[in-house]
Amino acid sequence: MAAAEAYLCVRTLHTACAVVSIAGFAARGALMLAGSPLLQHRLVRIAPHVIDTLLLASAVWLAWFLGQVPFVHGWITAKVLALLAYIVLGTIALKRGRTKRVRGAAFAAALATAAYIVAVALTRDATPWS
């Protein structure tokens, strides 16, 4: 497989995993807000880890392939820092928030952070809305 074909395959995998990951997080957040016992289903608990592992692995490969690394390229740094915020907010929303109000606020903030990450990825600019 030529380098360009490999790049396109991994970029497509990364994009697909990002879409599925964010949609899955949104669905789990909706289940959490509804108080659904489906959140405890084995598939709902395991699938996000598989998808997010593929997402992270493809991100690392793309960054390596393109020679773009955090703290050198601003937009990659912005994505990495926003990803860390998204992870923290997501764990508060789905696990660690003590009240439904705290969980709901963290859920909304995590979705906003995901939107920022997508905007940065599409524009390759740390300030995509400026």
Protein backbone atom coordinates (compact mmCIF):
# COMPACT_ATOMS: atom_id res chain seq x y z
CA MET A 1 0.00 0.00 0.00
CA ALA A 2 1.41 3.39 -0.97
CA ALA A 3 1.96 6.02 1.70
CA ALA A 4 -0.86 8.20 0.36
CA GLU A 5 -3.30 5.28 0.45
CA ALA A 6 -2.24 4.37 3.98
CA TYR A 7 -2.70 7.97 5.07
CA LEU A 8 -6.22 8.09 3.60
CA CYS A 9 -7.17 4.80 5.26
CA VAL A 10 -5.92 5.89 8.68
CA ARG A 11 -7.50 9.35 8.32
CA THR A 12 -10.82 7.72 7.40
CA LEU A 13 -10.52 5.36 10.40
CA HIS A 14 -9.73 8.31 12.66
CA THR A 15 -12.67 10.35 11.38
CA ALA A 16 -15.08 7.41 11.67
CA CYS A 17 -13.90 6.63 15.21
CA ALA A 18 -14.30 10.30 16.19
CA VAL A 19 -17.87 10.36 14.89
CA VAL A 20 -18.77 7.08 16.61
CA SER A 21 -17.02 8.11 19.82
CA ILE A 22 -18.79 11.46 20.10
CA ALA A 23 -22.15 9.96 19.13
CA GLY A 24 -21.65 7.19 21.68
CA PHE A 25 -20.74 9.69 24.37
CA ALA A 26 -23.84 11.73 23.54
CA ALA A 27 -26.00 8.60 23.73
CA ARG A 28 -24.47 7.54 27.06
CA GLY A 29 -24.98 11.06 28.40
CA ALA A 30 -28.64 10.94 27.38
CA LEU A 31 -29.00 7.56 29.08
CA MET A 32 -27.36 8.99 32.20
CA LEU A 33 -29.71 11.98 32.28
CA ALA A 34 -32.67 9.62 31.84
CA GLY A 35 -31.42 7.36 34.63
CA SER A 36 -31.44 4.37 32.30
CA PRO A 37 -30.11 1.00 33.48
CA LEU A 38 -28.78 0.46 29.93
CA LEU A 39 -25.65 2.33 31.03
CA GLN A 40 -24.66 -0.83 32.89
CA HIS A 41 -24.96 -3.07 29.82
CA ARG A 42 -21.65 -4.74 29.01
CA LEU A 43 -21.52 -3.46 25.41
CA VAL A 44 -22.21 0.11 26.53
CA ARG A 45 -19.36 -0.12 29.05
CA ILE A 46 -16.76 -1.84 26.78
CA ALA A 47 -17.35 -0.44 23.26
CA PRO A 48 -16.23 3.13 24.10
CA HIS A 49 -12.82 1.84 25.23
CA VAL A 50 -12.31 -0.09 21.99
CA ILE A 51 -13.41 2.85 19.82
CA ASP A 52 -11.36 5.38 21.77
CA THR A 53 -8.27 3.16 21.62
CA LEU A 54 -8.58 3.01 17.82
CA LEU A 55 -9.18 6.77 17.75
CA LEU A 56 -6.08 7.50 19.81
CA ALA A 57 -3.89 5.04 17.90
CA SER A 58 -4.95 6.51 14.56
CA ALA A 59 -4.33 10.03 15.90
CA VAL A 60 -0.80 9.14 16.97
CA TRP A 61 -0.12 7.52 13.58
CA LEU A 62 -1.46 10.56 11.70
CA ALA A 63 0.57 12.98 13.82
CA TRP A 64 3.69 10.91 13.26
CA PHE A 65 3.05 10.52 9.54
CA LEU A 66 2.43 14.25 9.08
CA GLY A 67 5.30 15.22 11.37
CA GLN A 68 2.99 17.32 13.52
CA VAL A 69 3.53 17.13 17.23
CA PRO A 70 2.07 18.88 20.27
CA PHE A 71 3.86 21.93 21.62
CA VAL A 72 5.35 22.57 18.18
CA HIS A 73 2.19 22.94 16.11
CA GLY A 74 -0.42 25.08 17.85
CA TRP A 75 -3.50 23.38 16.50
CA ILE A 76 -2.29 19.92 17.58
CA THR A 77 -1.48 21.30 21.02
CA ALA A 78 -4.98 22.78 21.22
CA LYS A 79 -6.52 19.42 20.27
CA VAL A 80 -4.47 17.53 22.87
CA LEU A 81 -5.29 19.99 25.65
CA ALA A 82 -8.96 20.04 24.68
CA LEU A 83 -8.94 16.23 24.59
CA LEU A 84 -7.67 16.16 28.17
CA ALA A 85 -10.45 18.55 29.19
CA TYR A 86 -13.00 16.40 27.32
CA ILE A 87 -11.82 13.28 29.17
CA VAL A 88 -12.05 14.96 32.57
CA LEU A 89 -15.48 16.45 31.80
CA GLY A 90 -16.67 13.12 30.40
CA THR A 91 -15.69 11.20 33.53
CA ILE A 92 -17.47 13.78 35.67
CA ALA A 93 -20.54 13.54 33.44
CA LEU A 94 -20.76 9.76 33.35
CA LYS A 95 -19.17 8.61 36.61
CA ARG A 96 -17.81 11.09 39.08
CA GLY A 97 -20.42 13.84 39.23
CA ARG A 98 -22.20 13.68 42.58
CA THR A 99 -25.50 15.14 41.43
CA LYS A 100 -27.45 14.97 38.21
CA ARG A 101 -27.06 18.76 37.88
CA VAL A 102 -23.25 18.49 38.06
CA ARG A 103 -23.30 15.56 35.64
CA GLY A 104 -25.54 17.45 33.23
CA ALA A 105 -23.33 20.53 33.29
CA ALA A 106 -20.20 18.43 32.73
CA PHE A 107 -21.98 16.59 29.91
CA ALA A 108 -22.86 19.87 28.16
CA ALA A 109 -19.32 21.19 28.65
CA ALA A 110 -17.84 17.93 27.30
CA LEU A 111 -20.02 18.15 24.17
CA ALA A 112 -18.94 21.78 23.67
CA THR A 113 -15.33 20.69 24.05
CA ALA A 114 -15.85 17.93 21.47
CA ALA A 115 -17.28 20.51 19.07
CA TYR A 116 -14.18 22.65 19.60
CA ILE A 117 -11.89 19.67 18.91
CA VAL A 118 -13.74 18.92 15.67
CA ALA A 119 -13.59 22.58 14.62
CA VAL A 120 -9.84 22.70 15.30
CA ALA A 121 -9.34 19.50 13.31
CA LEU A 122 -11.31 20.81 10.34
CA THR A 123 -9.62 24.23 10.25
CA ARG A 124 -6.19 23.24 11.58
CA ASP A 125 -6.40 26.40 13.64
CA ALA A 126 -6.45 26.64 17.44
CA THR A 127 -8.94 29.52 17.17
CA PRO A 128 -11.39 28.09 14.65
CA TRP A 129 -14.19 30.60 15.28
CA SER A 130 -12.15 33.78 15.19
